[in-house]
Amino acid sequence: MNIDNLKSQMRKGMLEFCVLLLLRRGDAYASEIIAKMKEAHLIVMEGTLYPLLTRLKNDGLLAYRWEESPSGPPRKYYCLTPLGLSSLEQLHQSWAEISHTVELLLSLQTTPPPIPLEQ
């Protein structure tokens, strides 16, 4: 089993949920999303985030607007659409179910099998 590959797949699976969670708090541009993810100890590269943002926009979950930046070129700010908010609520419910299941499995006490008695 390749643990690094499994961890990478788990992160990729959670990335969409995490982006939607961040945007629920307010509009943000890509570099800001990357910085907030980094603060939460989830490292995301631009080459991963930009295609995801485009896909979420094309799926109708995000919208964007251009806004002038005080320090450089205009920035593209992303925001949740009503469909994005609805999808986030569904993902949150799924996460609660998965998290609950994993916590239950982690809490199971395993006892070693009984040692057979010699006869």
PDB file of N, CA and C in Angstrom:
ATOM      1  N   MET A   1       0.850  -1.183   0.000  1.00  0.00           N
ATOM      2  CA  MET A   1       0.000   0.000   0.000  1.00  0.00           C
ATOM      3  C   MET A   1       0.889   1.237   0.000  1.00  0.00           C
ATOM      4  N   ASN A   2       0.606   2.154  -0.888  1.00  0.00           N
ATOM      5  CA  ASN A   2       1.358   3.397  -0.987  1.00  0.00           C
ATOM      6  C   ASN A   2       0.636   4.466  -0.150  1.00  0.00           C
ATOM      7  N   ILE A   3       1.119   4.682   1.070  1.00  0.00           N
ATOM      8  CA  ILE A   3       0.476   5.612   1.995  1.00  0.00           C
ATOM      9  C   ILE A   3       0.470   7.038   1.447  1.00  0.00           C
ATOM     10  N   ASP A   4       1.577   7.477   0.830  1.00  0.00           N
ATOM     11  CA  ASP A   4       1.633   8.838   0.289  1.00  0.00           C
ATOM     12  C   ASP A   4       0.567   9.038  -0.781  1.00  0.00           C
ATOM     13  N   ASN A   5       0.375   8.048  -1.639  1.00  0.00           N
ATOM     14  CA  ASN A   5      -0.642   8.138  -2.679  1.00  0.00           C
ATOM     15  C   ASN A   5      -2.039   8.186  -2.058  1.00  0.00           C
ATOM     16  N   LEU A   6      -2.271   7.376  -1.052  1.00  0.00           N
ATOM     17  CA  LEU A   6      -3.563   7.360  -0.381  1.00  0.00           C
ATOM     18  C   LEU A   6      -3.845   8.708   0.290  1.00  0.00           C
ATOM     19  N   LYS A   7      -2.838   9.266   0.960  1.00  0.00           N
ATOM     20  CA  LYS A   7      -3.007  10.576   1.590  1.00  0.00           C
ATOM     21  C   LYS A   7      -3.304  11.652   0.543  1.00  0.00           C
ATOM     22  N   SER A   8      -2.626  11.588  -0.588  1.00  0.00           N
ATOM     23  CA  SER A   8      -2.856  12.546  -1.667  1.00  0.00           C
ATOM     24  C   SER A   8      -4.284  12.442  -2.191  1.00  0.00           C
ATOM     25  N   GLN A   9      -4.763  11.224  -2.366  1.00  0.00           N
ATOM     26  CA  GLN A   9      -6.132  11.019  -2.849  1.00  0.00           C
ATOM     27  C   GLN A   9      -7.153  11.526  -1.835  1.00  0.00           C
ATOM     28  N   MET A  10      -6.889  11.338  -0.560  1.00  0.00           N
ATOM     29  CA  MET A  10      -7.792  11.831   0.479  1.00  0.00           C
ATOM     30  C   MET A  10      -7.859  13.351   0.446  1.00  0.00           C
ATOM     31  N   ARG A  11      -6.685  13.997   0.305  1.00  0.00           N
ATOM     32  CA  ARG A  11      -6.660  15.468   0.231  1.00  0.00           C
ATOM     33  C   ARG A  11      -7.426  15.960  -0.989  1.00  0.00           C
ATOM     34  N   LYS A  12      -7.204  15.325  -2.129  1.00  0.00           N
ATOM     35  CA  LYS A  12      -7.904  15.740  -3.345  1.00  0.00           C
ATOM     36  C   LYS A  12      -9.407  15.595  -3.187  1.00  0.00           C
ATOM     37  N   GLY A  13      -9.817  14.521  -2.518  1.00  0.00           N
ATOM     38  CA  GLY A  13     -11.242  14.306  -2.304  1.00  0.00           C
ATOM     39  C   GLY A  13     -11.880  15.359  -1.414  1.00  0.00           C
ATOM     40  N   MET A  14     -11.102  15.940  -0.510  1.00  0.00           N
ATOM     41  CA  MET A  14     -11.611  16.934   0.426  1.00  0.00           C
ATOM     42  C   MET A  14     -11.451  18.370  -0.070  1.00  0.00           C
ATOM     43  N   LEU A  15     -10.662  18.562  -1.101  1.00  0.00           N
ATOM     44  CA  LEU A  15     -10.330  19.912  -1.547  1.00  0.00           C
ATOM     45  C   LEU A  15     -11.560  20.720  -1.956  1.00  0.00           C
ATOM     46  N   GLU A  16     -12.455  20.132  -2.719  1.00  0.00           N
ATOM     47  CA  GLU A  16     -13.653  20.851  -3.146  1.00  0.00           C
ATOM     48  C   GLU A  16     -14.463  21.297  -1.932  1.00  0.00           C
ATOM     49  N   PHE A  17     -14.655  20.393  -0.984  1.00  0.00           N
ATOM     50  CA  PHE A  17     -15.389  20.707   0.237  1.00  0.00           C
ATOM     51  C   PHE A  17     -14.708  21.856   0.980  1.00  0.00           C
ATOM     52  N   CYS A  18     -13.396  21.809   1.110  1.00  0.00           N
ATOM     53  CA  CYS A  18     -12.651  22.850   1.820  1.00  0.00           C
ATOM     54  C   CYS A  18     -12.760  24.209   1.130  1.00  0.00           C
ATOM     55  N   VAL A  19     -12.684  24.236  -0.191  1.00  0.00           N
ATOM     56  CA  VAL A  19     -12.819  25.503  -0.926  1.00  0.00           C
ATOM     57  C   VAL A  19     -14.211  26.093  -0.693  1.00  0.00           C
ATOM     58  N   LEU A  20     -15.236  25.261  -0.774  1.00  0.00           N
ATOM     59  CA  LEU A  20     -16.595  25.757  -0.550  1.00  0.00           C
ATOM     60  C   LEU A  20     -16.759  26.258   0.888  1.00  0.00           C
ATOM     61  N   LEU A  21     -16.161  25.552   1.848  1.00  0.00           N
ATOM     62  CA  LEU A  21     -16.221  26.006   3.238  1.00  0.00           C
ATOM     63  C   LEU A  21     -15.576  27.383   3.407  1.00  0.00           C
ATOM     64  N   LEU A  22     -14.422  27.580   2.778  1.00  0.00           N
ATOM     65  CA  LEU A  22     -13.754  28.882   2.875  1.00  0.00           C
ATOM     66  C   LEU A  22     -14.603  29.994   2.260  1.00  0.00           C
ATOM     67  N   LEU A  23     -15.196  29.711   1.111  1.00  0.00           N
ATOM     68  CA  LEU A  23     -15.970  30.749   0.427  1.00  0.00           C
ATOM     69  C   LEU A  23     -17.308  31.021   1.110  1.00  0.00           C
ATOM     70  N   ARG A  24     -17.738  30.103   1.972  1.00  0.00           N
ATOM     71  CA  ARG A  24     -18.958  30.353   2.746  1.00  0.00           C
ATOM     72  C   ARG A  24     -18.734  31.534   3.679  1.00  0.00           C
ATOM     73  N   ARG A  25     -17.493  31.740   4.107  1.00  0.00           N
ATOM     74  CA  ARG A  25     -17.169  32.842   5.027  1.00  0.00           C
ATOM     75  C   ARG A  25     -17.066  34.180   4.305  1.00  0.00           C
ATOM     76  N   GLY A  26     -16.937  34.146   2.968  1.00  0.00           N
ATOM     77  CA  GLY A  26     -16.840  35.392   2.217  1.00  0.00           C
ATOM     78  C   GLY A  26     -16.077  35.194   0.924  1.00  0.00           C
ATOM     79  N   ASP A  27     -16.222  36.137   0.038  1.00  0.00           N
ATOM     80  CA  ASP A  27     -15.562  36.075  -1.256  1.00  0.00           C
ATOM     81  C   ASP A  27     -14.046  36.098  -1.075  1.00  0.00           C
ATOM     82  N   ALA A  28     -13.350  35.439  -1.999  1.00  0.00           N
ATOM     83  CA  ALA A  28     -11.887  35.393  -1.904  1.00  0.00           C
ATOM     84  C   ALA A  28     -11.296  35.199  -3.294  1.00  0.00           C
ATOM     85  N   TYR A  29     -10.067  35.644  -3.470  1.00  0.00           N
ATOM     86  CA  TYR A  29      -9.352  35.401  -4.726  1.00  0.00           C
ATOM     87  C   TYR A  29      -8.417  34.222  -4.515  1.00  0.00           C
ATOM     88  N   ALA A  30      -7.902  33.662  -5.592  1.00  0.00           N
ATOM     89  CA  ALA A  30      -7.172  32.388  -5.533  1.00  0.00           C
ATOM     90  C   ALA A  30      -5.999  32.403  -4.554  1.00  0.00           C
ATOM     91  N   SER A  31      -5.182  33.431  -4.590  1.00  0.00           N
ATOM     92  CA  SER A  31      -4.023  33.475  -3.679  1.00  0.00           C
ATOM     93  C   SER A  31      -4.463  33.508  -2.218  1.00  0.00           C
ATOM     94  N   GLU A  32      -5.566  34.153  -1.970  1.00  0.00           N
ATOM     95  CA  GLU A  32      -6.109  34.215  -0.615  1.00  0.00           C
ATOM     96  C   GLU A  32      -6.603  32.823  -0.177  1.00  0.00           C
ATOM     97  N   ILE A  33      -7.236  32.101  -1.087  1.00  0.00           N
ATOM     98  CA  ILE A  33      -7.699  30.738  -0.793  1.00  0.00           C
ATOM     99  C   ILE A  33      -6.503  29.851  -0.471  1.00  0.00           C
ATOM    100  N   ILE A  34      -5.453  29.949  -1.272  1.00  0.00           N
ATOM    101  CA  ILE A  34      -4.248  29.153  -1.046  1.00  0.00           C
ATOM    102  C   ILE A  34      -3.648  29.473   0.325  1.00  0.00           C
ATOM    103  N   ALA A  35      -3.592  30.757   0.675  1.00  0.00           N
ATOM    104  CA  ALA A  35      -3.024  31.162   1.973  1.00  0.00           C
ATOM    105  C   ALA A  35      -3.862  30.628   3.135  1.00  0.00           C
ATOM    106  N   LYS A  36      -5.188  30.691   2.999  1.00  0.00           N
ATOM    107  CA  LYS A  36      -6.059  30.195   4.069  1.00  0.00           C
ATOM    108  C   LYS A  36      -5.938  28.683   4.203  1.00  0.00           C
ATOM    109  N   MET A  37      -5.796  27.995   3.089  1.00  0.00           N
ATOM    110  CA  MET A  37      -5.604  26.540   3.132  1.00  0.00           C
ATOM    111  C   MET A  37      -4.282  26.225   3.833  1.00  0.00           C
ATOM    112  N   LYS A  38      -3.251  27.000   3.516  1.00  0.00           N
ATOM    113  CA  LYS A  38      -1.940  26.778   4.128  1.00  0.00           C
ATOM    114  C   LYS A  38      -2.021  26.988   5.639  1.00  0.00           C
ATOM    115  N   GLU A  39      -2.752  28.015   6.071  1.00  0.00           N
ATOM    116  CA  GLU A  39      -2.950  28.264   7.509  1.00  0.00           C
ATOM    117  C   GLU A  39      -3.611  27.066   8.182  1.00  0.00           C
ATOM    118  N   ALA A  40      -4.468  26.376   7.436  1.00  0.00           N
ATOM    119  CA  ALA A  40      -5.170  25.201   7.968  1.00  0.00           C
ATOM    120  C   ALA A  40      -4.362  23.917   7.761  1.00  0.00           C
ATOM    121  N   HIS A  41      -3.117  24.064   7.318  1.00  0.00           N
ATOM    122  CA  HIS A  41      -2.196  22.933   7.105  1.00  0.00           C
ATOM    123  C   HIS A  41      -2.613  22.033   5.946  1.00  0.00           C
ATOM    124  N   LEU A  42      -3.282  22.607   4.962  1.00  0.00           N
ATOM    125  CA  LEU A  42      -3.618  21.889   3.734  1.00  0.00           C
ATOM    126  C   LEU A  42      -2.912  22.630   2.596  1.00  0.00           C
ATOM    127  N   ILE A  43      -1.834  22.055   2.108  1.00  0.00           N
ATOM    128  CA  ILE A  43      -1.035  22.704   1.075  1.00  0.00           C
ATOM    129  C   ILE A  43      -1.678  22.451  -0.279  1.00  0.00           C
ATOM    130  N   VAL A  44      -1.984  23.548  -0.977  1.00  0.00           N
ATOM    131  CA  VAL A  44      -2.607  23.480  -2.295  1.00  0.00           C
ATOM    132  C   VAL A  44      -1.776  24.321  -3.249  1.00  0.00           C
ATOM    133  N   MET A  45      -1.466  23.741  -4.384  1.00  0.00           N
ATOM    134  CA  MET A  45      -0.691  24.452  -5.393  1.00  0.00           C
ATOM    135  C   MET A  45      -1.643  25.149  -6.366  1.00  0.00           C
ATOM    136  N   GLU A  46      -1.162  26.241  -6.960  1.00  0.00           N
ATOM    137  CA  GLU A  46      -1.975  26.971  -7.935  1.00  0.00           C
ATOM    138  C   GLU A  46      -2.434  26.058  -9.067  1.00  0.00           C
ATOM    139  N   GLY A  47      -1.545  25.156  -9.497  1.00  0.00           N
ATOM    140  CA  GLY A  47      -1.868  24.247 -10.593  1.00  0.00           C
ATOM    141  C   GLY A  47      -2.985  23.282 -10.255  1.00  0.00           C
ATOM    142  N   THR A  48      -3.270  23.118  -8.975  1.00  0.00           N
ATOM    143  CA  THR A  48      -4.394  22.287  -8.537  1.00  0.00           C
ATOM    144  C   THR A  48      -5.632  23.146  -8.330  1.00  0.00           C
ATOM    145  N   LEU A  49      -5.454  24.319  -7.728  1.00  0.00           N
ATOM    146  CA  LEU A  49      -6.597  25.149  -7.361  1.00  0.00           C
ATOM    147  C   LEU A  49      -7.305  25.769  -8.565  1.00  0.00           C
ATOM    148  N   TYR A  50      -6.550  26.333  -9.509  1.00  0.00           N
ATOM    149  CA  TYR A  50      -7.200  27.038 -10.621  1.00  0.00           C
ATOM    150  C   TYR A  50      -8.117  26.133 -11.443  1.00  0.00           C
ATOM    151  N   PRO A  51      -7.708  24.919 -11.798  1.00  0.00           N
ATOM    152  CA  PRO A  51      -8.649  24.049 -12.525  1.00  0.00           C
ATOM    153  C   PRO A  51      -9.886  23.694 -11.691  1.00  0.00           C
ATOM    154  N   LEU A  52      -9.690  23.536 -10.382  1.00  0.00           N
ATOM    155  CA  LEU A  52     -10.827  23.240  -9.513  1.00  0.00           C
ATOM    156  C   LEU A  52     -11.798  24.411  -9.482  1.00  0.00           C
ATOM    157  N   LEU A  53     -11.279  25.640  -9.331  1.00  0.00           N
ATOM    158  CA  LEU A  53     -12.144  26.821  -9.331  1.00  0.00           C
ATOM    159  C   LEU A  53     -12.900  26.949 -10.647  1.00  0.00           C
ATOM    160  N   THR A  54     -12.229  26.671 -11.753  1.00  0.00           N
ATOM    161  CA  THR A  54     -12.887  26.739 -13.070  1.00  0.00           C
ATOM    162  C   THR A  54     -13.993  25.698 -13.167  1.00  0.00           C
ATOM    163  N   ARG A  55     -13.719  24.486 -12.695  1.00  0.00           N
ATOM    164  CA  ARG A  55     -14.728  23.429 -12.751  1.00  0.00           C
ATOM    165  C   ARG A  55     -15.924  23.772 -11.870  1.00  0.00           C
ATOM    166  N   LEU A  56     -15.667  24.292 -10.668  1.00  0.00           N
ATOM    167  CA  LEU A  56     -16.755  24.675  -9.777  1.00  0.00           C
ATOM    168  C   LEU A  56     -17.587  25.804 -10.375  1.00  0.00           C
ATOM    169  N   LYS A  57     -16.936  26.733 -11.062  1.00  0.00           N
ATOM    170  CA  LYS A  57     -17.662  27.808 -11.737  1.00  0.00           C
ATOM    171  C   LYS A  57     -18.499  27.247 -12.875  1.00  0.00           C
ATOM    172  N   ASN A  58     -17.903  26.374 -13.680  1.00  0.00           N
ATOM    173  CA  ASN A  58     -18.637  25.778 -14.807  1.00  0.00           C
ATOM    174  C   ASN A  58     -19.805  24.920 -14.345  1.00  0.00           C
ATOM    175  N   ASP A  59     -19.687  24.341 -13.151  1.00  0.00           N
ATOM    176  CA  ASP A  59     -20.774  23.532 -12.587  1.00  0.00           C
ATOM    177  C   ASP A  59     -21.848  24.389 -11.921  1.00  0.00           C
ATOM    178  N   GLY A  60     -21.620  25.699 -11.885  1.00  0.00           N
ATOM    179  CA  GLY A  60     -22.608  26.602 -11.318  1.00  0.00           C
ATOM    180  C   GLY A  60     -22.523  26.768  -9.808  1.00  0.00           C
ATOM    181  N   LEU A  61     -21.459  26.247  -9.196  1.00  0.00           N
ATOM    182  CA  LEU A  61     -21.326  26.340  -7.740  1.00  0.00           C
ATOM    183  C   LEU A  61     -20.668  27.642  -7.297  1.00  0.00           C
ATOM    184  N   LEU A  62     -19.872  28.226  -8.193  1.00  0.00           N
ATOM    185  CA  LEU A  62     -19.190  29.487  -7.905  1.00  0.00           C
ATOM    186  C   LEU A  62     -19.481  30.498  -9.000  1.00  0.00           C
ATOM    187  N   ALA A  63     -19.388  31.744  -8.619  1.00  0.00           N
ATOM    188  CA  ALA A  63     -19.390  32.862  -9.571  1.00  0.00           C
ATOM    189  C   ALA A  63     -18.156  33.690  -9.237  1.00  0.00           C
ATOM    190  N   TYR A  64     -17.824  34.638 -10.102  1.00  0.00           N
ATOM    191  CA  TYR A  64     -16.690  35.501  -9.790  1.00  0.00           C
ATOM    192  C   TYR A  64     -16.940  36.898 -10.320  1.00  0.00           C
ATOM    193  N   ARG A  65     -16.153  37.812  -9.797  1.00  0.00           N
ATOM    194  CA  ARG A  65     -16.172  39.206 -10.261  1.00  0.00           C
ATOM    195  C   ARG A  65     -14.748  39.707 -10.228  1.00  0.00           C
ATOM    196  N   TRP A  66     -14.447  40.660 -11.090  1.00  0.00           N
ATOM    197  CA  TRP A  66     -13.122  41.284 -11.096  1.00  0.00           C
ATOM    198  C   TRP A  66     -13.171  42.501 -10.197  1.00  0.00           C
ATOM    199  N   GLU A  67     -12.090  42.680  -9.441  1.00  0.00           N
ATOM    200  CA  GLU A  67     -12.006  43.837  -8.556  1.00  0.00           C
ATOM    201  C   GLU A  67     -10.597  44.407  -8.629  1.00  0.00           C
ATOM    202  N   GLU A  68     -10.504  45.726  -8.699  1.00  0.00           N
ATOM    203  CA  GLU A  68      -9.197  46.373  -8.739  1.00  0.00           C
ATOM    204  C   GLU A  68      -8.421  46.053  -7.476  1.00  0.00           C
ATOM    205  N   SER A  69      -7.126  45.900  -7.635  1.00  0.00           N
ATOM    206  CA  SER A  69      -6.254  45.599  -6.509  1.00  0.00           C
ATOM    207  C   SER A  69      -5.415  46.835  -6.203  1.00  0.00           C
ATOM    208  N   PRO A  70      -5.228  47.143  -4.921  1.00  0.00           N
ATOM    209  CA  PRO A  70      -4.393  48.293  -4.577  1.00  0.00           C
ATOM    210  C   PRO A  70      -2.909  48.029  -4.853  1.00  0.00           C
ATOM    211  N   SER A  71      -2.557  46.764  -5.081  1.00  0.00           N
ATOM    212  CA  SER A  71      -1.140  46.439  -5.272  1.00  0.00           C
ATOM    213  C   SER A  71      -0.927  45.522  -6.475  1.00  0.00           C
ATOM    214  N   GLY A  72      -1.379  45.950  -7.636  1.00  0.00           N
ATOM    215  CA  GLY A  72      -1.144  45.126  -8.815  1.00  0.00           C
ATOM    216  C   GLY A  72      -2.364  45.043  -9.718  1.00  0.00           C
ATOM    217  N   PRO A  73      -2.404  43.977 -10.521  1.00  0.00           N
ATOM    218  CA  PRO A  73      -3.511  43.828 -11.477  1.00  0.00           C
ATOM    219  C   PRO A  73      -4.824  43.498 -10.767  1.00  0.00           C
ATOM    220  N   PRO A  74      -5.945  43.645 -11.474  1.00  0.00           N
ATOM    221  CA  PRO A  74      -7.247  43.299 -10.869  1.00  0.00           C
ATOM    222  C   PRO A  74      -7.260  41.832 -10.417  1.00  0.00           C
ATOM    223  N   ARG A  75      -8.075  41.570  -9.403  1.00  0.00           N
ATOM    224  CA  ARG A  75      -8.191  40.221  -8.853  1.00  0.00           C
ATOM    225  C   ARG A  75      -9.563  39.648  -9.159  1.00  0.00           C
ATOM    226  N   LYS A  76      -9.576  38.342  -9.374  1.00  0.00           N
ATOM    227  CA  LYS A  76     -10.825  37.629  -9.614  1.00  0.00           C
ATOM    228  C   LYS A  76     -11.292  37.073  -8.273  1.00  0.00           C
ATOM    229  N   TYR A  77     -12.381  37.625  -7.745  1.00  0.00           N
ATOM    230  CA  TYR A  77     -12.946  37.175  -6.478  1.00  0.00           C
ATOM    231  C   TYR A  77     -14.032  36.147  -6.742  1.00  0.00           C
ATOM    232  N   TYR A  78     -13.918  35.007  -6.067  1.00  0.00           N
ATOM    233  CA  TYR A  78     -14.890  33.925  -6.198  1.00  0.00           C
ATOM    234  C   TYR A  78     -15.890  33.988  -5.054  1.00  0.00           C
ATOM    235  N   CYS A  79     -17.124  33.588  -5.341  1.00  0.00           N
ATOM    236  CA  CYS A  79     -18.161  33.531  -4.322  1.00  0.00           C
ATOM    237  C   CYS A  79     -19.067  32.337  -4.591  1.00  0.00           C
ATOM    238  N   LEU A  80     -19.740  31.888  -3.533  1.00  0.00           N
ATOM    239  CA  LEU A  80     -20.684  30.786  -3.668  1.00  0.00           C
ATOM    240  C   LEU A  80     -21.957  31.270  -4.341  1.00  0.00           C
ATOM    241  N   THR A  81     -22.515  30.438  -5.182  1.00  0.00           N
ATOM    242  CA  THR A  81     -23.844  30.682  -5.745  1.00  0.00           C
ATOM    243  C   THR A  81     -24.857  29.959  -4.847  1.00  0.00           C
ATOM    244  N   PRO A  82     -26.144  30.180  -5.050  1.00  0.00           N
ATOM    245  CA  PRO A  82     -27.134  29.404  -4.284  1.00  0.00           C
ATOM    246  C   PRO A  82     -26.950  27.890  -4.474  1.00  0.00           C
ATOM    247  N   LEU A  83     -26.623  27.464  -5.694  1.00  0.00           N
ATOM    248  CA  LEU A  83     -26.367  26.050  -5.933  1.00  0.00           C
ATOM    249  C   LEU A  83     -25.116  25.595  -5.178  1.00  0.00           C
ATOM    250  N   GLY A  84     -24.106  26.452  -5.109  1.00  0.00           N
ATOM    251  CA  GLY A  84     -22.894  26.139  -4.364  1.00  0.00           C
ATOM    252  C   GLY A  84     -23.179  25.990  -2.879  1.00  0.00           C
ATOM    253  N   LEU A  85     -24.024  26.854  -2.346  1.00  0.00           N
ATOM    254  CA  LEU A  85     -24.394  26.768  -0.934  1.00  0.00           C
ATOM    255  C   LEU A  85     -25.162  25.484  -0.656  1.00  0.00           C
ATOM    256  N   SER A  86     -26.064  25.130  -1.546  1.00  0.00           N
ATOM    257  CA  SER A  86     -26.819  23.886  -1.409  1.00  0.00           C
ATOM    258  C   SER A  86     -25.888  22.671  -1.477  1.00  0.00           C
ATOM    259  N   SER A  87     -24.950  22.704  -2.405  1.00  0.00           N
ATOM    260  CA  SER A  87     -23.984  21.606  -2.538  1.00  0.00           C
ATOM    261  C   SER A  87     -23.108  21.512  -1.298  1.00  0.00           C
ATOM    262  N   LEU A  88     -22.732  22.651  -0.750  1.00  0.00           N
ATOM    263  CA  LEU A  88     -21.931  22.669   0.471  1.00  0.00           C
ATOM    264  C   LEU A  88     -22.698  22.012   1.618  1.00  0.00           C
ATOM    265  N   GLU A  89     -23.977  22.310   1.728  1.00  0.00           N
ATOM    266  CA  GLU A  89     -24.782  21.697   2.785  1.00  0.00           C
ATOM    267  C   GLU A  89     -24.833  20.179   2.616  1.00  0.00           C
ATOM    268  N   GLN A  90     -24.953  19.714   1.381  1.00  0.00           N
ATOM    269  CA  GLN A  90     -24.962  18.269   1.129  1.00  0.00           C
ATOM    270  C   GLN A  90     -23.604  17.646   1.461  1.00  0.00           C
ATOM    271  N   LEU A  91     -22.533  18.309   1.064  1.00  0.00           N
ATOM    272  CA  LEU A  91     -21.191  17.814   1.382  1.00  0.00           C
ATOM    273  C   LEU A  91     -20.953  17.791   2.885  1.00  0.00           C
ATOM    274  N   HIS A  92     -21.469  18.817   3.566  1.00  0.00           N
ATOM    275  CA  HIS A  92     -21.309  18.861   5.013  1.00  0.00           C
ATOM    276  C   HIS A  92     -22.008  17.669   5.663  1.00  0.00           C
ATOM    277  N   GLN A  93     -23.209  17.344   5.193  1.00  0.00           N
ATOM    278  CA  GLN A  93     -23.935  16.190   5.716  1.00  0.00           C
ATOM    279  C   GLN A  93     -23.160  14.905   5.436  1.00  0.00           C
ATOM    280  N   SER A  94     -22.625  14.774   4.229  1.00  0.00           N
ATOM    281  CA  SER A  94     -21.834  13.589   3.890  1.00  0.00           C
ATOM    282  C   SER A  94     -20.598  13.494   4.773  1.00  0.00           C
ATOM    283  N   TRP A  95     -19.937  14.634   4.995  1.00  0.00           N
ATOM    284  CA  TRP A  95     -18.752  14.641   5.852  1.00  0.00           C
ATOM    285  C   TRP A  95     -19.122  14.202   7.269  1.00  0.00           C
ATOM    286  N   ALA A  96     -20.248  14.682   7.786  1.00  0.00           N
ATOM    287  CA  ALA A  96     -20.674  14.308   9.135  1.00  0.00           C
ATOM    288  C   ALA A  96     -20.882  12.797   9.227  1.00  0.00           C
ATOM    289  N   GLU A  97     -21.499  12.226   8.212  1.00  0.00           N
ATOM    290  CA  GLU A  97     -21.735  10.782   8.206  1.00  0.00           C
ATOM    291  C   GLU A  97     -20.420  10.003   8.129  1.00  0.00           C
ATOM    292  N   ILE A  98     -19.538  10.402   7.218  1.00  0.00           N
ATOM    293  CA  ILE A  98     -18.250   9.720   7.062  1.00  0.00           C
ATOM    294  C   ILE A  98     -17.413   9.875   8.331  1.00  0.00           C
ATOM    295  N   SER A  99     -17.361  11.085   8.862  1.00  0.00           N
ATOM    296  CA  SER A  99     -16.585  11.355  10.065  1.00  0.00           C
ATOM    297  C   SER A  99     -17.103  10.516  11.235  1.00  0.00           C
ATOM    298  N   HIS A 100     -18.407  10.439  11.363  1.00  0.00           N
ATOM    299  CA  HIS A 100     -19.013   9.644  12.434  1.00  0.00           C
ATOM    300  C   HIS A 100     -18.622   8.176  12.296  1.00  0.00           C
ATOM    301  N   THR A 101     -18.701   7.666  11.089  1.00  0.00           N
ATOM    302  CA  THR A 101     -18.345   6.268  10.842  1.00  0.00           C
ATOM    303  C   THR A 101     -16.881   6.002  11.185  1.00  0.00           C
ATOM    304  N   VAL A 102     -15.994   6.882  10.726  1.00  0.00           N
ATOM    305  CA  VAL A 102     -14.564   6.702  10.998  1.00  0.00           C
ATOM    306  C   VAL A 102     -14.302   6.780  12.499  1.00  0.00           C
ATOM    307  N   GLU A 103     -14.918   7.726  13.179  1.00  0.00           N
ATOM    308  CA  GLU A 103     -14.736   7.841  14.628  1.00  0.00           C
ATOM    309  C   GLU A 103     -15.221   6.593  15.338  1.00  0.00           C
ATOM    310  N   LEU A 104     -16.343   6.037  14.894  1.00  0.00           N
ATOM    311  CA  LEU A 104     -16.820   4.791  15.496  1.00  0.00           C
ATOM    312  C   LEU A 104     -15.816   3.668  15.292  1.00  0.00           C
ATOM    313  N   LEU A 105     -15.290   3.557  14.090  1.00  0.00           N
ATOM    314  CA  LEU A 105     -14.320   2.502  13.807  1.00  0.00           C
ATOM    315  C   LEU A 105     -13.030   2.702  14.600  1.00  0.00           C
ATOM    316  N   LEU A 106     -12.606   3.942  14.747  1.00  0.00           N
ATOM    317  CA  LEU A 106     -11.402   4.220  15.527  1.00  0.00           C
ATOM    318  C   LEU A 106     -11.587   3.893  17.009  1.00  0.00           C
ATOM    319  N   SER A 107     -12.798   4.046  17.483  1.00  0.00           N
ATOM    320  CA  SER A 107     -13.043   3.842  18.912  1.00  0.00           C
ATOM    321  C   SER A 107     -13.272   2.378  19.277  1.00  0.00           C
ATOM    322  N   LEU A 108     -13.443   1.530  18.294  1.00  0.00           N
ATOM    323  CA  LEU A 108     -13.654   0.116  18.604  1.00  0.00           C
ATOM    324  C   LEU A 108     -12.435  -0.448  19.316  1.00  0.00           C
ATOM    325  N   GLN A 109     -12.691  -1.115  20.388  1.00  0.00           N
ATOM    326  CA  GLN A 109     -11.591  -1.752  21.101  1.00  0.00           C
ATOM    327  C   GLN A 109     -11.419  -3.148  20.537  1.00  0.00           C
ATOM    328  N   THR A 110     -10.226  -3.413  20.138  1.00  0.00           N
ATOM    329  CA  THR A 110      -9.969  -4.750  19.635  1.00  0.00           C
ATOM    330  C   THR A 110      -9.346  -5.570  20.746  1.00  0.00           C
ATOM    331  N   THR A 111      -9.839  -6.739  20.870  1.00  0.00           N
ATOM    332  CA  THR A 111      -9.261  -7.648  21.850  1.00  0.00           C
ATOM    333  C   THR A 111      -8.591  -8.771  21.082  1.00  0.00           C
ATOM    334  N   PRO A 112      -7.474  -9.223  21.574  1.00  0.00           N
ATOM    335  CA  PRO A 112      -6.794 -10.295  20.859  1.00  0.00           C
ATOM    336  C   PRO A 112      -7.635 -11.571  20.910  1.00  0.00           C
ATOM    337  N   PRO A 113      -7.508 -12.403  19.902  1.00  0.00           N
ATOM    338  CA  PRO A 113      -8.273 -13.645  19.914  1.00  0.00           C
ATOM    339  C   PRO A 113      -7.836 -14.502  21.110  1.00  0.00           C
ATOM    340  N   PRO A 114      -8.750 -15.296  21.628  1.00  0.00           N
ATOM    341  CA  PRO A 114      -8.391 -16.105  22.786  1.00  0.00           C
ATOM    342  C   PRO A 114      -7.277 -17.110  22.432  1.00  0.00           C
ATOM    343  N   ILE A 115      -6.447 -17.358  23.402  1.00  0.00           N
ATOM    344  CA  ILE A 115      -5.366 -18.326  23.211  1.00  0.00           C
ATOM    345  C   ILE A 115      -5.955 -19.707  23.479  1.00  0.00           C
ATOM    346  N   PRO A 116      -5.824 -20.614  22.518  1.00  0.00           N
ATOM    347  CA  PRO A 116      -6.387 -21.949  22.740  1.00  0.00           C
ATOM    348  C   PRO A 116      -5.662 -22.666  23.877  1.00  0.00           C
ATOM    349  N   LEU A 117      -6.419 -23.337  24.681  1.00  0.00           N
ATOM    350  CA  LEU A 117      -5.858 -24.096  25.788  1.00  0.00           C
ATOM    351  C   LEU A 117      -5.393 -25.448  25.297  1.00  0.00           C
ATOM    352  N   GLU A 118      -4.261 -25.865  25.806  1.00  0.00           N
ATOM    353  CA  GLU A 118      -3.749 -27.183  25.425  1.00  0.00           C
ATOM    354  C   GLU A 118      -4.557 -28.241  26.137  1.00  0.00           C
ATOM    355  N   GLN A 119      -4.867 -29.284  25.420  1.00  0.00           N
ATOM    356  CA  GLN A 119      -5.631 -30.365  26.040  1.00  0.00           C
ATOM    357  C   GLN A 119      -4.860 -31.630  26.128  1.00  0.00           C
TER     358      GLN A 119
END
